[in-house]
N, C-alpha and C. Protein backbone atom coordinates (compact mmCIF):
# COMPACT_ATOMS: atom_id res chain seq x y z
N UNK A 1 19.27 30.72 3.10
CA UNK A 1 17.88 30.53 3.62
C UNK A 1 17.20 29.36 2.39
N UNK A 2 16.58 28.36 2.73
CA UNK A 2 16.37 27.27 2.16
C UNK A 2 15.33 27.47 1.16
N UNK A 3 15.26 27.42 0.10
CA UNK A 3 14.22 27.94 -1.12
C UNK A 3 13.20 26.43 -1.11
N UNK A 4 11.67 27.13 -1.56
CA UNK A 4 10.95 25.82 -1.42
C UNK A 4 11.25 24.56 -2.29
N UNK A 5 12.08 24.97 -3.35
CA UNK A 5 12.55 23.80 -4.24
C UNK A 5 13.36 23.17 -3.50
N UNK A 6 14.13 23.42 -2.91
CA UNK A 6 15.34 22.78 -1.94
C UNK A 6 14.53 22.10 -0.94
N UNK A 7 13.62 22.60 -0.08
CA UNK A 7 12.71 21.94 0.70
C UNK A 7 12.00 20.54 0.48
N UNK A 8 11.35 21.02 -1.16
CA UNK A 8 10.84 19.98 -1.54
C UNK A 8 11.83 18.69 -1.88
N UNK A 9 12.86 18.96 -2.27
CA UNK A 9 13.80 17.83 -2.64
C UNK A 9 14.52 17.42 -1.34
N UNK A 10 14.29 18.14 -0.39
CA UNK A 10 15.10 17.40 0.88
C UNK A 10 13.89 16.92 1.27
N UNK A 11 12.43 17.03 1.47
CA UNK A 11 11.47 16.15 1.98
C UNK A 11 11.54 14.93 1.15
N UNK A 12 11.51 15.08 -0.32
CA UNK A 12 11.65 13.78 -1.16
C UNK A 12 12.82 12.67 -1.10
N UNK A 13 13.86 13.47 -0.72
CA UNK A 13 15.32 12.33 -0.31
C UNK A 13 15.03 11.81 1.18
N UNK A 14 14.19 12.64 1.86
CA UNK A 14 14.40 12.02 3.38
C UNK A 14 12.98 10.75 3.16
N UNK A 15 12.25 11.09 2.32
CA UNK A 15 11.05 9.86 2.59
C UNK A 15 11.58 8.61 1.75
N UNK A 16 12.60 9.13 0.78
CA UNK A 16 13.18 8.05 -0.12
C UNK A 16 14.09 7.36 0.91
N UNK A 17 14.88 7.77 1.55
CA UNK A 17 15.53 6.97 2.70
C UNK A 17 15.03 6.08 3.92
N UNK A 18 13.52 7.18 4.11
CA UNK A 18 12.64 6.02 5.20
C UNK A 18 12.07 4.81 4.59
N UNK A 19 11.77 4.59 3.19
CA UNK A 19 11.33 3.48 2.59
C UNK A 19 12.53 3.06 2.24
N UNK A 20 13.73 3.22 1.84
CA UNK A 20 14.59 2.29 1.67
C UNK A 20 15.02 1.62 3.13
N UNK A 21 14.74 2.13 4.07
CA UNK A 21 15.37 1.68 5.47
C UNK A 21 14.30 0.55 5.99
N UNK A 22 12.77 0.86 5.69
CA UNK A 22 11.65 0.34 6.08
C UNK A 22 11.87 -1.29 5.17
N UNK A 23 12.16 -1.07 3.80
CA UNK A 23 12.36 -2.23 2.76
C UNK A 23 13.66 -3.03 3.26
N UNK A 24 14.57 -2.39 4.00
CA UNK A 24 16.06 -3.35 3.89
C UNK A 24 15.32 -4.03 5.16
N UNK A 25 15.11 -3.26 6.28
CA UNK A 25 14.90 -4.05 7.41
C UNK A 25 13.73 -5.17 7.52
N UNK A 26 12.80 -5.17 6.74
CA UNK A 26 11.74 -5.67 6.54
C UNK A 26 11.83 -7.03 5.70
N UNK A 27 12.57 -6.43 4.75
CA UNK A 27 12.73 -7.63 3.70
C UNK A 27 14.01 -8.53 4.06
N UNK A 28 14.58 -8.28 5.35
CA UNK A 28 15.89 -9.22 5.60
C UNK A 28 15.57 -10.34 6.23
N UNK A 29 15.84 -11.81 5.59
CA UNK A 29 15.47 -12.86 5.90
C UNK A 29 16.42 -13.93 5.65
N UNK A 30 16.66 -14.61 6.35
CA UNK A 30 17.60 -15.94 5.84
C UNK A 30 16.87 -17.06 4.97
N UNK A 31 17.49 -17.94 4.47
CA UNK A 31 16.83 -18.85 3.53
C UNK A 31 16.02 -19.71 4.17
N UNK A 32 16.11 -20.02 5.69
CA UNK A 32 15.17 -20.84 6.44
C UNK A 32 14.08 -19.82 6.76
N UNK A 33 13.78 -18.48 6.26
CA UNK A 33 12.53 -17.67 6.82
C UNK A 33 11.77 -17.76 5.71
N UNK A 34 12.15 -17.56 4.39
CA UNK A 34 11.42 -17.60 3.40
C UNK A 34 10.52 -18.87 3.10
N UNK A 35 9.21 -18.36 2.42
CA UNK A 35 8.51 -19.36 2.48
C UNK A 35 8.39 -20.31 0.95
N UNK A 36 7.94 -21.46 1.41
CA UNK A 36 8.02 -22.37 -0.02
C UNK A 36 6.99 -22.43 -0.87
N UNK A 37 6.76 -21.03 -1.01
CA UNK A 37 5.67 -20.74 -2.16
C UNK A 37 6.11 -19.43 -2.65
N UNK A 38 6.10 -19.43 -3.92
CA UNK A 38 6.71 -18.23 -4.71
C UNK A 38 5.72 -17.12 -4.66
N UNK A 39 6.13 -15.88 -4.17
CA UNK A 39 5.14 -14.50 -4.43
C UNK A 39 4.32 -14.81 -5.87
N UNK A 40 4.84 -15.12 -6.81
CA UNK A 40 4.04 -15.06 -8.24
C UNK A 40 3.02 -15.97 -7.96
N UNK A 41 3.11 -16.93 -6.96
CA UNK A 41 2.17 -18.02 -7.07
C UNK A 41 1.12 -18.12 -5.33
N UNK A 42 1.44 -16.75 -4.93
CA UNK A 42 0.85 -17.14 -3.77
C UNK A 42 -0.68 -17.35 -4.15
N UNK A 43 -1.20 -17.47 -3.20
CA UNK A 43 -2.88 -17.77 -2.98
C UNK A 43 -3.44 -18.11 -1.60
N UNK A 44 -4.65 -17.57 -1.55
CA UNK A 44 -4.92 -17.95 -0.15
C UNK A 44 -4.80 -19.42 0.38
N UNK A 45 -4.01 -19.76 -0.31
CA UNK A 45 -3.87 -21.76 0.52
C UNK A 45 -2.58 -21.59 0.99
N UNK A 46 -2.19 -20.42 0.76
CA UNK A 46 -0.28 -20.53 1.06
C UNK A 46 -0.08 -19.73 2.00
N UNK A 47 -0.10 -20.03 3.16
CA UNK A 47 0.01 -19.29 4.27
C UNK A 47 1.47 -19.26 4.77
N UNK A 48 1.81 -17.88 5.51
CA UNK A 48 3.09 -18.18 5.98
C UNK A 48 3.28 -18.10 7.45
N UNK A 49 2.54 -19.01 8.10
CA UNK A 49 2.18 -19.75 9.32
C UNK A 49 2.00 -21.02 9.32
N UNK A 50 1.32 -21.44 8.49
CA UNK A 50 1.22 -22.78 8.26
C UNK A 50 -0.31 -22.84 8.80
N UNK A 51 -1.27 -21.72 9.20
CA UNK A 51 -2.50 -22.09 10.03
C UNK A 51 -3.48 -21.02 9.26
N UNK A 52 -4.96 -20.97 9.24
CA UNK A 52 -5.64 -20.41 8.71
C UNK A 52 -5.28 -19.95 7.36
N UNK A 53 -5.11 -20.87 6.44
CA UNK A 53 -4.46 -20.72 5.13
C UNK A 53 -5.38 -20.23 4.42
N UNK A 54 -6.92 -20.61 4.39
CA UNK A 54 -7.93 -20.11 3.68
C UNK A 54 -8.48 -18.87 3.95
N UNK A 55 -7.60 -17.95 4.99
CA UNK A 55 -8.02 -16.56 4.89
C UNK A 55 -7.06 -15.47 5.00
N UNK A 56 -5.77 -16.21 4.25
CA UNK A 56 -4.78 -15.33 4.39
C UNK A 56 -5.18 -14.70 2.50
N UNK A 57 -4.86 -13.41 2.43
CA UNK A 57 -4.71 -12.67 1.46
C UNK A 57 -3.68 -11.77 1.11
N UNK A 58 -3.78 -11.15 0.20
CA UNK A 58 -2.87 -9.88 0.03
C UNK A 58 -3.79 -8.74 -0.84
N UNK A 59 -3.74 -7.43 -0.49
CA UNK A 59 -4.20 -6.15 -0.70
C UNK A 59 -3.16 -5.45 -1.12
N UNK A 60 -3.82 -4.45 -2.25
CA UNK A 60 -2.74 -3.19 -2.74
C UNK A 60 -3.31 -1.76 -1.92
N UNK A 61 -2.40 -1.23 -1.72
CA UNK A 61 -2.78 -0.33 -0.99
C UNK A 61 -1.79 1.07 -1.52
N UNK A 62 -2.31 2.10 -2.11
CA UNK A 62 -1.50 3.41 -2.30
C UNK A 62 -1.39 4.48 -2.06
N UNK A 63 -0.32 5.03 -1.87
CA UNK A 63 -0.22 6.64 -0.50
C UNK A 63 -0.28 7.35 -2.14
N UNK A 64 -1.10 8.14 -1.86
CA UNK A 64 -1.40 9.00 -3.38
C UNK A 64 -0.21 10.37 -3.26
N UNK A 65 -0.22 11.11 -4.13
CA UNK A 65 0.92 12.38 -3.89
C UNK A 65 0.70 13.42 -3.08
N UNK A 66 -0.68 13.48 -2.33
CA UNK A 66 -0.92 14.47 -1.37
C UNK A 66 -0.22 13.80 -0.22
N UNK A 67 -0.35 12.76 0.09
CA UNK A 67 -0.24 11.84 1.10
C UNK A 67 1.51 11.86 1.27
N UNK A 68 2.24 11.53 0.07
CA UNK A 68 3.58 12.02 0.12
C UNK A 68 4.03 13.28 0.33
N UNK A 69 3.62 14.27 -0.57
CA UNK A 69 4.00 15.67 -0.06
C UNK A 69 3.92 15.84 1.15
N UNK A 70 2.64 15.57 1.66
CA UNK A 70 2.42 16.10 3.28
C UNK A 70 3.35 14.94 4.79
N UNK A 71 4.26 14.17 4.08
CA UNK A 71 5.07 13.33 4.68
C UNK A 71 4.33 12.36 5.30
N UNK A 72 3.24 11.62 4.63
CA UNK A 72 2.30 10.79 5.71
C UNK A 72 2.67 9.29 5.76
N UNK A 73 3.94 9.25 4.64
CA UNK A 73 4.36 7.76 4.21
C UNK A 73 4.66 6.75 5.74
N UNK A 74 5.43 7.34 6.30
CA UNK A 74 5.48 6.42 7.53
C UNK A 74 4.41 6.24 8.30
N UNK A 75 3.58 7.27 8.66
CA UNK A 75 2.84 7.13 9.61
C UNK A 75 1.61 6.22 8.94
N UNK A 76 1.11 6.09 7.73
CA UNK A 76 0.47 5.31 7.05
C UNK A 76 1.15 3.63 7.23
N UNK A 77 2.34 3.41 6.94
CA UNK A 77 2.99 2.13 7.04
C UNK A 77 2.93 1.69 8.63
N UNK A 78 3.10 2.51 9.36
CA UNK A 78 2.87 2.15 10.86
C UNK A 78 1.64 1.73 11.23
N UNK A 79 0.88 2.11 10.66
CA UNK A 79 -0.62 1.94 10.83
C UNK A 79 -0.94 0.42 10.46
N UNK A 80 -0.15 0.04 9.56
CA UNK A 80 -0.81 -0.89 8.77
C UNK A 80 0.14 -2.36 9.33
N UNK A 81 1.15 -2.07 10.10
CA UNK A 81 2.50 -2.63 10.73
C UNK A 81 1.80 -2.87 12.08
N UNK A 82 1.20 -1.77 12.63
CA UNK A 82 0.68 -2.30 14.27
C UNK A 82 -0.40 -2.93 13.86
N UNK A 83 -1.14 -3.04 12.94
CA UNK A 83 -2.31 -3.96 13.00
C UNK A 83 -1.67 -5.37 13.31
N UNK A 84 -0.66 -5.53 12.51
CA UNK A 84 -0.19 -6.83 12.37
C UNK A 84 -0.06 -7.55 11.12
N UNK A 85 -0.40 -6.58 9.74
CA UNK A 85 -0.09 -7.00 8.55
C UNK A 85 1.53 -6.69 8.31
N UNK A 86 1.70 -7.65 7.01
CA UNK A 86 3.07 -7.73 6.64
C UNK A 86 3.26 -7.13 5.31
N UNK A 87 4.13 -6.43 5.21
CA UNK A 87 4.71 -5.74 4.18
C UNK A 87 5.53 -6.57 3.03
N UNK A 88 4.86 -6.67 1.76
CA UNK A 88 5.71 -7.84 1.02
C UNK A 88 5.93 -7.16 -0.46
N UNK A 89 5.52 -6.01 -0.27
CA UNK A 89 6.37 -5.50 -1.73
C UNK A 89 5.86 -3.69 -1.60
N UNK A 90 6.79 -3.06 -1.84
CA UNK A 90 6.74 -1.32 -2.05
C UNK A 90 7.27 -0.87 -3.17
N UNK A 91 7.16 0.19 -3.41
CA UNK A 91 7.66 1.12 -4.50
C UNK A 91 7.47 2.73 -4.16
N UNK A 92 8.38 3.71 -4.55
CA UNK A 92 8.42 4.61 -4.44
C UNK A 92 8.56 5.27 -6.09
N UNK A 93 7.60 5.81 -6.59
CA UNK A 93 7.89 5.92 -8.17
C UNK A 93 6.91 7.25 -8.63
N UNK A 94 7.07 7.44 -9.68
CA UNK A 94 6.19 8.49 -10.47
C UNK A 94 5.43 8.01 -11.33
N UNK A 95 4.33 7.45 -11.38
CA UNK A 95 3.73 7.00 -12.09
C UNK A 95 3.06 7.40 -13.75
N UNK A 96 3.17 6.67 -14.45
CA UNK A 96 3.02 7.47 -15.62
C UNK A 96 1.30 7.42 -16.06
N UNK A 97 0.99 8.39 -16.51
CA UNK A 97 -0.55 8.36 -17.32
C UNK A 97 -1.31 7.18 -17.60
N UNK A 98 -0.61 6.45 -18.74
CA UNK A 98 -0.92 5.41 -18.96
C UNK A 98 -0.80 4.27 -17.86
N UNK A 99 -0.08 4.22 -17.03
CA UNK A 99 -0.42 3.33 -16.24
C UNK A 99 -1.50 3.58 -14.99
N UNK A 100 -1.74 5.10 -15.09
CA UNK A 100 -3.14 5.36 -14.17
C UNK A 100 -4.14 5.06 -14.97
N UNK A 101 -4.25 5.32 -15.94
CA UNK A 101 -5.62 5.16 -16.77
C UNK A 101 -5.91 3.82 -16.85
N UNK A 102 -5.21 2.59 -16.78
CA UNK A 102 -5.49 1.28 -16.42
C UNK A 102 -5.81 1.03 -15.05
N UNK A 103 -5.42 1.41 -14.26
CA UNK A 103 -5.43 1.72 -12.80
C UNK A 103 -7.10 2.19 -12.80
N UNK A 104 -7.10 2.99 -13.24
CA UNK A 104 -8.90 3.78 -12.96
C UNK A 104 -9.59 3.46 -14.25
N UNK A 105 -9.47 2.57 -15.28
CA UNK A 105 -9.92 2.07 -16.15
C UNK A 105 -11.78 2.08 -15.74
N UNK A 106 -11.79 1.55 -14.77
CA UNK A 106 -13.72 1.30 -14.25
C UNK A 106 -14.10 2.80 -14.07
N UNK A 107 -13.29 3.92 -14.26
CA UNK A 107 -14.11 5.25 -14.21
C UNK A 107 -13.61 6.32 -15.39
N UNK A 108 -13.47 5.39 -16.30
CA UNK A 108 -13.13 6.05 -17.48
C UNK A 108 -14.35 7.03 -18.06
N UNK A 109 -15.22 6.67 -17.94
CA UNK A 109 -16.68 7.19 -18.15
C UNK A 109 -16.58 8.52 -17.62
N UNK A 110 -16.47 8.81 -16.43
CA UNK A 110 -16.84 9.62 -15.48
C UNK A 110 -16.14 10.82 -15.67
N UNK A 111 -16.71 11.85 -15.38
CA UNK A 111 -16.70 13.55 -16.12
C UNK A 111 -15.09 13.90 -15.19
N UNK A 112 -14.80 13.04 -14.05
CA UNK A 112 -13.78 13.58 -13.26
C UNK A 112 -12.53 12.81 -13.62
N UNK A 113 -12.45 11.75 -14.49
CA UNK A 113 -11.54 10.69 -14.76
C UNK A 113 -10.47 11.69 -15.23
N UNK A 114 -10.36 12.43 -16.41
CA UNK A 114 -8.94 13.38 -16.65
C UNK A 114 -8.42 13.97 -15.68
N UNK A 115 -9.10 14.63 -14.78
CA UNK A 115 -8.60 15.51 -13.83
C UNK A 115 -8.03 14.13 -12.42
N UNK A 116 -8.48 13.40 -12.54
CA UNK A 116 -7.91 12.31 -11.68
C UNK A 116 -6.66 11.82 -11.73
N UNK A 117 -6.50 11.46 -13.31
CA UNK A 117 -5.51 10.91 -13.81
C UNK A 117 -3.86 12.04 -13.96
N UNK A 118 -4.62 13.21 -13.81
CA UNK A 118 -3.71 14.43 -13.73
C UNK A 118 -3.33 14.45 -12.32
N UNK A 119 -3.98 14.30 -11.57
CA UNK A 119 -3.59 14.31 -10.17
C UNK A 119 -2.70 13.91 -9.54
N UNK A 120 -2.81 12.43 -10.15
CA UNK A 120 -2.18 11.23 -9.62
C UNK A 120 -0.82 11.09 -10.47
N UNK A 121 -0.87 11.66 -11.19
CA UNK A 121 0.79 11.94 -12.05
C UNK A 121 1.19 13.09 -11.86
N UNK A 122 0.94 13.91 -10.94
CA UNK A 122 1.45 15.32 -10.30
C UNK A 122 2.76 14.94 -9.30
N UNK A 123 2.62 13.81 -8.96
CA UNK A 123 3.76 13.76 -7.98
C UNK A 123 4.26 12.21 -7.46
N UNK A 124 4.78 11.95 -7.03
CA UNK A 124 5.24 10.65 -6.25
C UNK A 124 4.24 10.04 -5.84
N UNK A 125 4.42 8.45 -5.97
CA UNK A 125 3.14 7.72 -5.22
C UNK A 125 3.70 6.53 -4.55
N UNK A 126 3.02 5.76 -3.59
CA UNK A 126 3.87 4.75 -2.81
C UNK A 126 3.24 3.66 -2.89
N UNK A 127 3.09 2.81 -4.20
CA UNK A 127 2.32 1.51 -4.02
C UNK A 127 2.97 0.59 -3.36
N UNK A 128 1.89 -0.20 -2.71
CA UNK A 128 2.31 -1.52 -1.80
C UNK A 128 1.46 -2.41 -1.52
N UNK A 129 2.08 -3.81 -1.42
CA UNK A 129 1.49 -5.06 -1.12
C UNK A 129 1.77 -5.57 0.27
N UNK A 130 0.35 -5.73 1.08
CA UNK A 130 0.23 -6.12 2.00
C UNK A 130 -0.23 -7.44 2.25
N UNK A 131 0.12 -8.09 3.28
CA UNK A 131 -0.71 -9.72 3.17
C UNK A 131 -1.01 -9.76 5.18
N UNK A 132 -1.77 -10.71 5.13
CA UNK A 132 -2.26 -11.41 6.31
C UNK A 132 -3.88 -11.89 6.15
N UNK A 133 -4.26 -11.70 7.57
CA UNK A 133 -5.99 -12.48 7.75
C UNK A 133 -6.85 -11.56 7.45
N UNK A 134 -7.60 -11.57 6.23
CA UNK A 134 -8.72 -10.44 6.00
C UNK A 134 -8.52 -9.36 5.36
N UNK A 135 -7.23 -9.21 4.85
CA UNK A 135 -6.37 -7.89 4.78
C UNK A 135 -7.55 -6.66 3.99
N UNK A 136 -7.88 -7.57 3.05
CA UNK A 136 -8.74 -6.47 2.03
C UNK A 136 -9.93 -5.88 2.62
N UNK A 137 -10.84 -6.43 3.39
CA UNK A 137 -11.78 -5.94 4.28
C UNK A 137 -11.20 -5.43 4.79
N UNK A 138 -10.28 -5.77 6.18
CA UNK A 138 -9.77 -5.04 7.09
C UNK A 138 -9.16 -3.66 6.88
N UNK A 139 -8.16 -3.88 5.48
CA UNK A 139 -7.53 -2.40 4.89
C UNK A 139 -8.32 -1.12 4.38
N UNK A 140 -9.68 -1.78 4.00
CA UNK A 140 -10.51 -0.37 3.63
C UNK A 140 -11.35 -0.30 5.11
N UNK A 141 -11.51 -0.95 5.94
CA UNK A 141 -12.05 -0.19 6.88
C UNK A 141 -10.93 0.60 7.64
N UNK A 142 -9.79 0.35 7.62
CA UNK A 142 -8.76 1.36 8.56
C UNK A 142 -8.61 2.55 7.44
N UNK A 143 -8.47 2.24 6.18
CA UNK A 143 -8.95 3.72 5.14
C UNK A 143 -10.00 4.97 5.84
N UNK A 144 -11.17 3.93 5.75
CA UNK A 144 -12.26 4.82 6.17
C UNK A 144 -13.01 5.11 4.65
N UNK A 145 -13.69 6.27 4.79
CA UNK A 145 -14.99 6.05 3.51
C UNK A 145 -13.99 6.99 2.54
N UNK A 146 -14.60 6.80 1.04
CA UNK A 146 -14.02 7.26 0.03
C UNK A 146 -13.80 9.09 0.32
N UNK A 147 -15.01 9.50 0.93
CA UNK A 147 -15.17 11.15 1.40
C UNK A 147 -14.51 11.24 2.79
N UNK A 148 -13.87 12.06 3.10
CA UNK A 148 -13.16 12.21 4.62
C UNK A 148 -14.25 12.90 5.61
N UNK A 149 -15.30 13.21 4.97
CA UNK A 149 -16.36 13.89 5.76
C UNK A 149 -17.37 12.74 6.74
N UNK A 150 -17.00 11.40 5.75
CA UNK A 150 -17.84 10.27 6.31
C UNK A 150 -16.93 9.32 6.65
N UNK A 151 -15.66 9.75 7.03
CA UNK A 151 -14.87 8.70 7.41
C UNK A 151 -14.63 9.13 9.41
N UNK A 152 -14.87 7.87 9.81
CA UNK A 152 -14.76 8.01 11.40
C UNK A 152 -13.26 8.37 11.88
N UNK A 153 -13.30 8.92 12.92
CA UNK A 153 -12.25 9.36 13.73
C UNK A 153 -11.23 8.04 14.12
N UNK A 154 -10.36 7.86 13.65
CA UNK A 154 -9.49 6.35 14.00
C UNK A 154 -9.16 6.05 12.38
N UNK A 155 -9.41 6.38 11.67
CA UNK A 155 -9.07 5.93 10.17
C UNK A 155 -8.20 6.98 9.78
N UNK A 156 -7.60 6.18 8.65
CA UNK A 156 -6.88 7.08 8.08
C UNK A 156 -6.91 8.31 7.39
N UNK A 157 -7.93 8.05 6.95
CA UNK A 157 -8.85 9.11 5.57
C UNK A 157 -9.67 10.18 7.02
N UNK A 158 -10.24 9.48 8.18
CA UNK A 158 -10.90 10.30 9.15
C UNK A 158 -9.77 11.20 9.75
N UNK A 159 -8.77 10.76 10.07
CA UNK A 159 -7.66 11.30 10.86
C UNK A 159 -6.66 12.18 10.00
N UNK A 160 -6.58 12.49 8.60
CA UNK A 160 -5.67 12.47 8.07
C UNK A 160 -5.92 13.48 7.01
N UNK A 161 -7.18 13.68 6.56
CA UNK A 161 -7.43 14.56 5.53
C UNK A 161 -8.84 14.96 5.66
N UNK A 162 -9.40 15.92 4.61
CA UNK A 162 -10.24 16.65 4.31
C UNK A 162 -11.37 16.67 3.62
N UNK A 163 -10.85 16.65 1.98
CA UNK A 163 -11.76 16.88 0.69
C UNK A 163 -11.54 15.38 0.14
N UNK A 164 -12.33 15.05 -0.43
CA UNK A 164 -12.39 13.41 -1.32
C UNK A 164 -11.57 13.79 -2.43
N UNK A 165 -11.26 15.14 -2.99
CA UNK A 165 -10.25 15.07 -3.87
C UNK A 165 -8.84 14.96 -3.51
N UNK A 166 -8.46 14.92 -1.94
CA UNK A 166 -7.45 14.58 -1.64
C UNK A 166 -7.29 14.08 -0.47
N UNK A 167 -7.73 12.57 -0.72
CA UNK A 167 -8.18 11.67 0.32
C UNK A 167 -6.78 10.77 0.58
N UNK A 168 -5.38 11.43 0.04
CA UNK A 168 -4.21 10.42 0.37
C UNK A 168 -4.11 9.18 -0.07
N UNK A 169 -4.86 8.21 0.05
CA UNK A 169 -4.83 6.90 -0.21
C UNK A 169 -5.76 6.29 -0.97
N UNK A 170 -5.49 5.48 -1.43
CA UNK A 170 -6.37 4.15 -2.20
C UNK A 170 -5.90 2.53 -1.72
N UNK A 171 -6.83 2.07 -1.72
CA UNK A 171 -6.87 0.73 -1.30
C UNK A 171 -7.84 -0.36 -2.29
N UNK A 172 -7.68 -1.52 -2.36
CA UNK A 172 -8.68 -2.49 -3.03
C UNK A 172 -9.62 -2.67 -2.62
N UNK A 173 -10.92 -2.83 -3.11
CA UNK A 173 -11.85 -2.97 -2.49
C UNK A 173 -12.40 -4.59 -2.43
N UNK A 174 -11.95 -5.61 -2.71
CA UNK A 174 -12.05 -6.84 -3.18
C UNK A 174 -11.00 -7.48 -3.24
N UNK A 175 -11.09 -8.68 -3.05
CA UNK A 175 -9.96 -9.78 -3.79
C UNK A 175 -9.82 -9.71 -5.06
N UNK A 176 -10.71 -9.74 -5.98
CA UNK A 176 -10.41 -9.90 -7.31
C UNK A 176 -9.57 -8.24 -7.34
N UNK A 177 -10.17 -7.40 -7.25
CA UNK A 177 -9.71 -6.10 -7.50
C UNK A 177 -8.24 -6.02 -7.04
N UNK A 178 -7.91 -6.79 -5.84
CA UNK A 178 -6.28 -6.30 -5.12
C UNK A 178 -5.46 -7.42 -6.31
N UNK A 179 -6.02 -8.58 -6.40
CA UNK A 179 -5.13 -9.56 -7.51
C UNK A 179 -4.86 -8.64 -9.00
N UNK A 180 -5.92 -8.03 -9.34
CA UNK A 180 -5.84 -7.09 -10.69
C UNK A 180 -4.82 -6.08 -10.61
N UNK A 181 -4.77 -5.34 -9.33
CA UNK A 181 -4.17 -4.15 -9.12
C UNK A 181 -2.63 -4.61 -8.94
N UNK A 182 -2.63 -5.39 -7.92
CA UNK A 182 -1.13 -5.96 -7.95
C UNK A 182 -0.14 -6.67 -9.02
N UNK A 183 -0.88 -7.31 -9.88
CA UNK A 183 -0.83 -7.82 -11.22
C UNK A 183 0.22 -6.44 -12.01
N UNK A 184 -0.62 -5.36 -12.11
CA UNK A 184 -0.41 -4.13 -12.70
C UNK A 184 0.57 -3.42 -12.20
N UNK A 185 0.65 -3.36 -11.14
CA UNK A 185 2.04 -2.38 -10.47
C UNK A 185 2.94 -3.03 -10.06
N UNK A 186 2.73 -4.45 -9.84
CA UNK A 186 4.15 -5.15 -9.24
C UNK A 186 4.39 -6.41 -10.28
N UNK A 187 5.85 -6.54 -10.45
CA UNK A 187 6.31 -7.79 -11.43
C UNK A 187 6.34 -9.09 -10.66
N UNK A 188 6.48 -10.34 -11.01
CA UNK A 188 6.53 -11.36 -10.47
C UNK A 188 7.23 -11.66 -9.40
N UNK A 189 8.72 -10.93 -9.62
CA UNK A 189 9.83 -10.83 -9.05
C UNK A 189 9.98 -9.87 -7.76
N UNK A 190 8.98 -9.00 -8.15
CA UNK A 190 8.66 -7.96 -6.94
C UNK A 190 8.11 -7.84 -5.50
N UNK A 191 7.66 -9.03 -5.31
CA UNK A 191 7.25 -9.14 -3.91
C UNK A 191 7.84 -10.52 -3.27
N UNK A 192 7.86 -10.16 -2.11
CA UNK A 192 8.96 -10.97 -1.33
C UNK A 192 8.16 -11.93 -0.29
N UNK A 193 8.36 -12.98 -0.45
CA UNK A 193 7.72 -14.29 0.57
C UNK A 193 8.87 -14.31 1.84
N UNK A 194 8.09 -14.01 2.61
CA UNK A 194 9.02 -14.30 3.97
C UNK A 194 8.02 -14.38 5.23
N UNK A 195 8.63 -14.68 6.55
CA UNK A 195 8.10 -15.41 7.42
C UNK A 195 8.91 -14.30 8.41
N UNK A 196 7.59 -13.92 9.14
CA UNK A 196 8.47 -13.04 10.42
C UNK A 196 8.40 -13.82 11.89
N UNK A 197 8.99 -13.54 12.56
CA UNK A 197 9.47 -14.41 13.64
C UNK A 197 8.09 -13.87 14.67
N UNK A 198 7.52 -12.65 14.50
CA UNK A 198 6.46 -12.60 15.34
C UNK A 198 5.00 -13.03 14.67
N UNK A 199 5.12 -13.85 14.05
CA UNK A 199 3.60 -14.59 13.45
C UNK A 199 2.92 -15.34 14.63
N UNK A 200 4.08 -15.90 15.71
CA UNK A 200 2.99 -16.29 16.73
C UNK A 200 2.43 -15.69 17.77
N UNK A 201 2.86 -14.60 17.44
CA UNK A 201 2.32 -13.42 18.45
C UNK A 201 1.33 -12.51 17.91
N UNK A 202 1.26 -12.85 16.60
CA UNK A 202 -0.06 -12.22 15.91
C UNK A 202 -1.35 -13.42 15.61
N UNK A 203 -1.06 -14.35 15.02
CA UNK A 203 -1.89 -15.30 14.70
C UNK A 203 -1.79 -16.65 15.66
N UNK A 204 -3.13 -17.09 16.30
CA UNK A 204 -3.38 -18.19 17.11
C UNK A 204 -2.75 -19.55 16.67
N UNK A 205 -2.88 -19.57 15.32
CA UNK A 205 -2.39 -20.82 14.26
C UNK A 205 -2.12 -20.79 12.87
């Protein structure tokens, strides 16, 4: 009979394999497909399609410990890919309390802050960077309201969770926040600038 501990280990091993395969298949590209704009110097003026450059953005999305434990990683990634956004960075990691304290620094004066840091450091998380047209605003809409009971059906929180303390996912609320969070969680060389063959079927120009 498989023990609970063995089941958890098998679950994390499976999740790690899924993430590896996604990164491997999504990140593969030959030299001609790479953007002539280093990831560390990405800005709205550097577009992967050459058009609508002024509206291209990157946002920070992180699947929280409850989302990982419940096996929602693949489903959440699928939603962003189905929308047409491009994954340019992802990790599977156990975040330190020091890192989380920096990430949630704006909430440090709130009474729930210690519990939030404790919860976020209780298991692995999956921080990601997604790229696309108006991805910050659209990403927030896809997540739904912070409190799942206020989230519309069809959103991630509206479909996948019940309580605000277990709302499975974090997303940047502005372009400025996205830049700050991306720089906090990812190094310059950990973001991949690449061009999909499907860009013309997602964007008009």
